[in-house]
Amino acid sequence: MKDTLYDINEEELRIEKTAQKYLKETASWSTFLAIVGFFIAGLIILGSIVIAALGSSLLAMAGMASYGYGALFGLVFVVFAIVYIFPSLYLFRFADATKSGLASQSNSQMQKAFLNLKSFYKFVGIAILAIIIFYVVLIIGVIVVVIFKYAI
């Protein structure tokens, strides 16, 4: 018996029963997380509509100049929601293709599943890298501002 769980030289999918069980459970959790992600993206979009509609009015009522910041913040949140949809979509596609591939013992479905899982991790990795870069630039910016403020 080979040590590999997946043999691409054969026509049938070769994943041992224990691994299939783990993949089914992973697919179920991925479906759950994807649905939660879609729900959160929907809430962000609803929140952005509220912010866009009421943000400028609330600033005006507080005696502050709004300059259309409510619409700007609303637009920023819509962009965040759209970006947030992608990892959820990749997870949902992974779960769907995994369940289908295991049920039909299909190599092509499992390849599709793992392609979506790879895309999910690639997206998350790039997002985390972007956040780290943002924080490094922010920290450097704060340090520069503090140095110039106290140097004068």
Protein backbone atom coordinates (compact mmCIF):
# COMPACT_ATOMS: atom_id res chain seq x y z
CA MET A 1 0.00 0.00 0.00
CA LYS A 2 1.29 3.46 -0.89
CA ASP A 3 1.85 6.15 1.70
CA THR A 4 0.17 8.82 -0.41
CA LEU A 5 -3.49 9.56 0.03
CA TYR A 6 -3.94 10.80 -3.49
CA ASP A 7 -2.52 9.05 -6.54
CA ILE A 8 -2.82 11.15 -9.69
CA ASN A 9 -1.65 8.31 -11.95
CA GLU A 10 -4.86 6.35 -11.46
CA GLU A 11 -8.35 7.15 -12.71
CA GLU A 12 -10.11 6.71 -9.37
CA LEU A 13 -9.75 8.86 -6.32
CA ARG A 14 -7.58 7.20 -3.70
CA ILE A 15 -8.22 8.66 -0.32
CA GLU A 16 -8.39 6.36 2.67
CA LYS A 17 -11.65 6.19 4.65
CA THR A 18 -10.26 8.05 7.66
CA ALA A 19 -9.04 10.89 5.47
CA GLN A 20 -12.40 10.96 3.67
CA LYS A 21 -14.12 11.33 7.02
CA TYR A 22 -11.82 14.22 7.92
CA LEU A 23 -12.41 15.87 4.55
CA LYS A 24 -16.20 15.55 4.92
CA GLU A 25 -16.02 17.15 8.35
CA THR A 26 -13.71 19.88 7.03
CA ALA A 27 -16.14 20.52 4.17
CA SER A 28 -19.03 20.86 6.63
CA TRP A 29 -17.14 23.38 8.74
CA SER A 30 -16.06 25.22 5.60
CA THR A 31 -19.69 25.50 4.51
CA PHE A 32 -20.62 26.87 7.93
CA LEU A 33 -17.76 29.41 7.90
CA ALA A 34 -18.57 30.44 4.34
CA ILE A 35 -22.23 31.05 5.18
CA VAL A 36 -21.22 33.07 8.25
CA GLY A 37 -18.84 35.04 6.03
CA PHE A 38 -21.59 35.78 3.51
CA PHE A 39 -23.88 36.85 6.36
CA ILE A 40 -21.23 39.17 7.82
CA ALA A 41 -20.57 40.67 4.37
CA GLY A 42 -24.31 41.33 4.09
CA LEU A 43 -24.33 43.02 7.49
CA ILE A 44 -21.37 45.15 6.47
CA ILE A 45 -23.23 46.23 3.32
CA LEU A 46 -26.34 47.09 5.36
CA GLY A 47 -24.18 49.00 7.82
CA SER A 48 -22.52 50.89 4.99
CA ILE A 49 -25.91 51.96 3.67
CA VAL A 50 -26.84 53.26 7.13
CA ILE A 51 -23.49 55.03 7.46
CA ALA A 52 -23.83 56.57 4.00
CA ALA A 53 -27.39 57.71 4.68
CA LEU A 54 -27.03 58.93 8.24
CA GLY A 55 -23.34 59.63 8.70
CA SER A 56 -23.28 63.15 7.33
CA SER A 57 -26.52 64.02 9.17
CA LEU A 58 -25.17 62.78 12.49
CA LEU A 59 -21.98 64.79 12.07
CA ALA A 60 -24.03 67.87 11.18
CA MET A 61 -26.25 67.37 14.25
CA ALA A 62 -23.12 67.14 16.41
CA GLY A 63 -22.07 70.53 15.07
CA MET A 64 -19.24 69.16 12.96
CA ALA A 65 -18.73 69.76 9.26
CA SER A 66 -19.55 66.57 7.38
CA TYR A 67 -18.10 67.24 3.91
CA GLY A 68 -19.80 64.05 2.67
CA TYR A 69 -17.79 61.78 4.96
CA GLY A 70 -20.83 59.58 5.56
CA ALA A 71 -20.97 58.60 1.90
CA LEU A 72 -17.20 58.12 1.81
CA PHE A 73 -17.22 55.84 4.87
CA GLY A 74 -20.20 53.97 3.42
CA LEU A 75 -18.28 53.39 0.20
CA VAL A 76 -15.21 52.18 2.12
CA PHE A 77 -17.35 49.65 3.99
CA VAL A 78 -18.91 48.42 0.74
CA VAL A 79 -15.40 47.80 -0.59
CA PHE A 80 -14.53 45.89 2.60
CA ALA A 81 -17.68 43.79 2.21
CA ILE A 82 -16.86 42.95 -1.39
CA VAL A 83 -13.33 41.94 -0.40
CA TYR A 84 -14.75 39.90 2.51
CA ILE A 85 -16.93 37.89 0.11
CA PHE A 86 -13.97 36.33 -1.73
CA PRO A 87 -12.58 34.11 1.05
CA SER A 88 -16.12 33.00 1.87
CA LEU A 89 -16.71 32.15 -1.78
CA TYR A 90 -13.49 30.14 -1.99
CA LEU A 91 -14.42 28.22 1.18
CA PHE A 92 -17.93 27.55 -0.09
CA ARG A 93 -16.61 26.28 -3.43
CA PHE A 94 -14.06 24.09 -1.63
CA ALA A 95 -16.76 22.56 0.55
CA ASP A 96 -19.14 21.97 -2.35
CA ALA A 97 -16.49 20.40 -4.59
CA THR A 98 -15.13 18.27 -1.72
CA LYS A 99 -18.55 16.86 -0.88
CA SER A 100 -19.24 16.22 -4.55
CA GLY A 101 -15.81 14.71 -5.20
CA LEU A 102 -16.00 12.36 -2.23
CA ALA A 103 -19.52 11.25 -3.12
CA SER A 104 -18.63 10.53 -6.76
CA GLN A 105 -14.99 9.55 -6.16
CA SER A 106 -14.04 12.12 -8.80
CA ASN A 107 -10.45 13.29 -9.23
CA SER A 108 -11.53 16.37 -11.17
CA GLN A 109 -13.93 17.47 -8.41
CA MET A 110 -11.26 16.98 -5.76
CA GLN A 111 -8.76 18.96 -7.87
CA LYS A 112 -11.36 21.73 -8.12
CA ALA A 113 -11.85 21.55 -4.34
CA PHE A 114 -8.15 21.83 -3.59
CA LEU A 115 -7.75 24.63 -6.15
CA ASN A 116 -10.36 26.63 -4.21
CA LEU A 117 -8.70 25.77 -0.90
CA LYS A 118 -5.37 26.98 -2.32
CA SER A 119 -7.07 30.18 -3.52
CA PHE A 120 -8.56 30.70 -0.07
CA TYR A 121 -5.19 30.40 1.67
CA LYS A 122 -3.48 32.54 -0.97
CA PHE A 123 -6.10 35.28 -0.51
CA VAL A 124 -5.84 35.16 3.28
CA GLY A 125 -2.04 35.17 3.12
CA ILE A 126 -1.97 38.21 0.84
CA ALA A 127 -4.54 39.98 3.04
CA ILE A 128 -2.49 39.31 6.18
CA LEU A 129 0.66 40.52 4.43
CA ALA A 130 -1.15 43.71 3.35
CA ILE A 131 -2.35 44.29 6.93
CA ILE A 132 1.17 43.78 8.31
CA ILE A 133 2.57 46.24 5.76
CA PHE A 134 -0.18 48.73 6.62
CA TYR A 135 0.64 48.52 10.33
CA VAL A 136 4.39 48.87 9.73
CA VAL A 137 3.79 51.99 7.60
CA LEU A 138 1.36 53.32 10.22
CA ILE A 139 3.85 52.79 13.06
CA ILE A 140 6.65 54.42 11.06
CA GLY A 141 4.32 57.33 10.27
CA VAL A 142 3.43 57.80 13.94
CA ILE A 143 7.10 57.69 14.93
CA VAL A 144 7.98 60.30 12.29
CA VAL A 145 5.11 62.57 13.40
CA VAL A 146 6.13 62.28 17.06
CA ILE A 147 9.79 62.96 16.26
CA PHE A 148 8.93 66.07 14.24
CA LYS A 149 6.44 67.29 16.79
CA TYR A 150 8.94 67.18 19.67
CA ALA A 151 11.96 68.19 17.58
CA ILE A 152 10.55 71.64 16.92
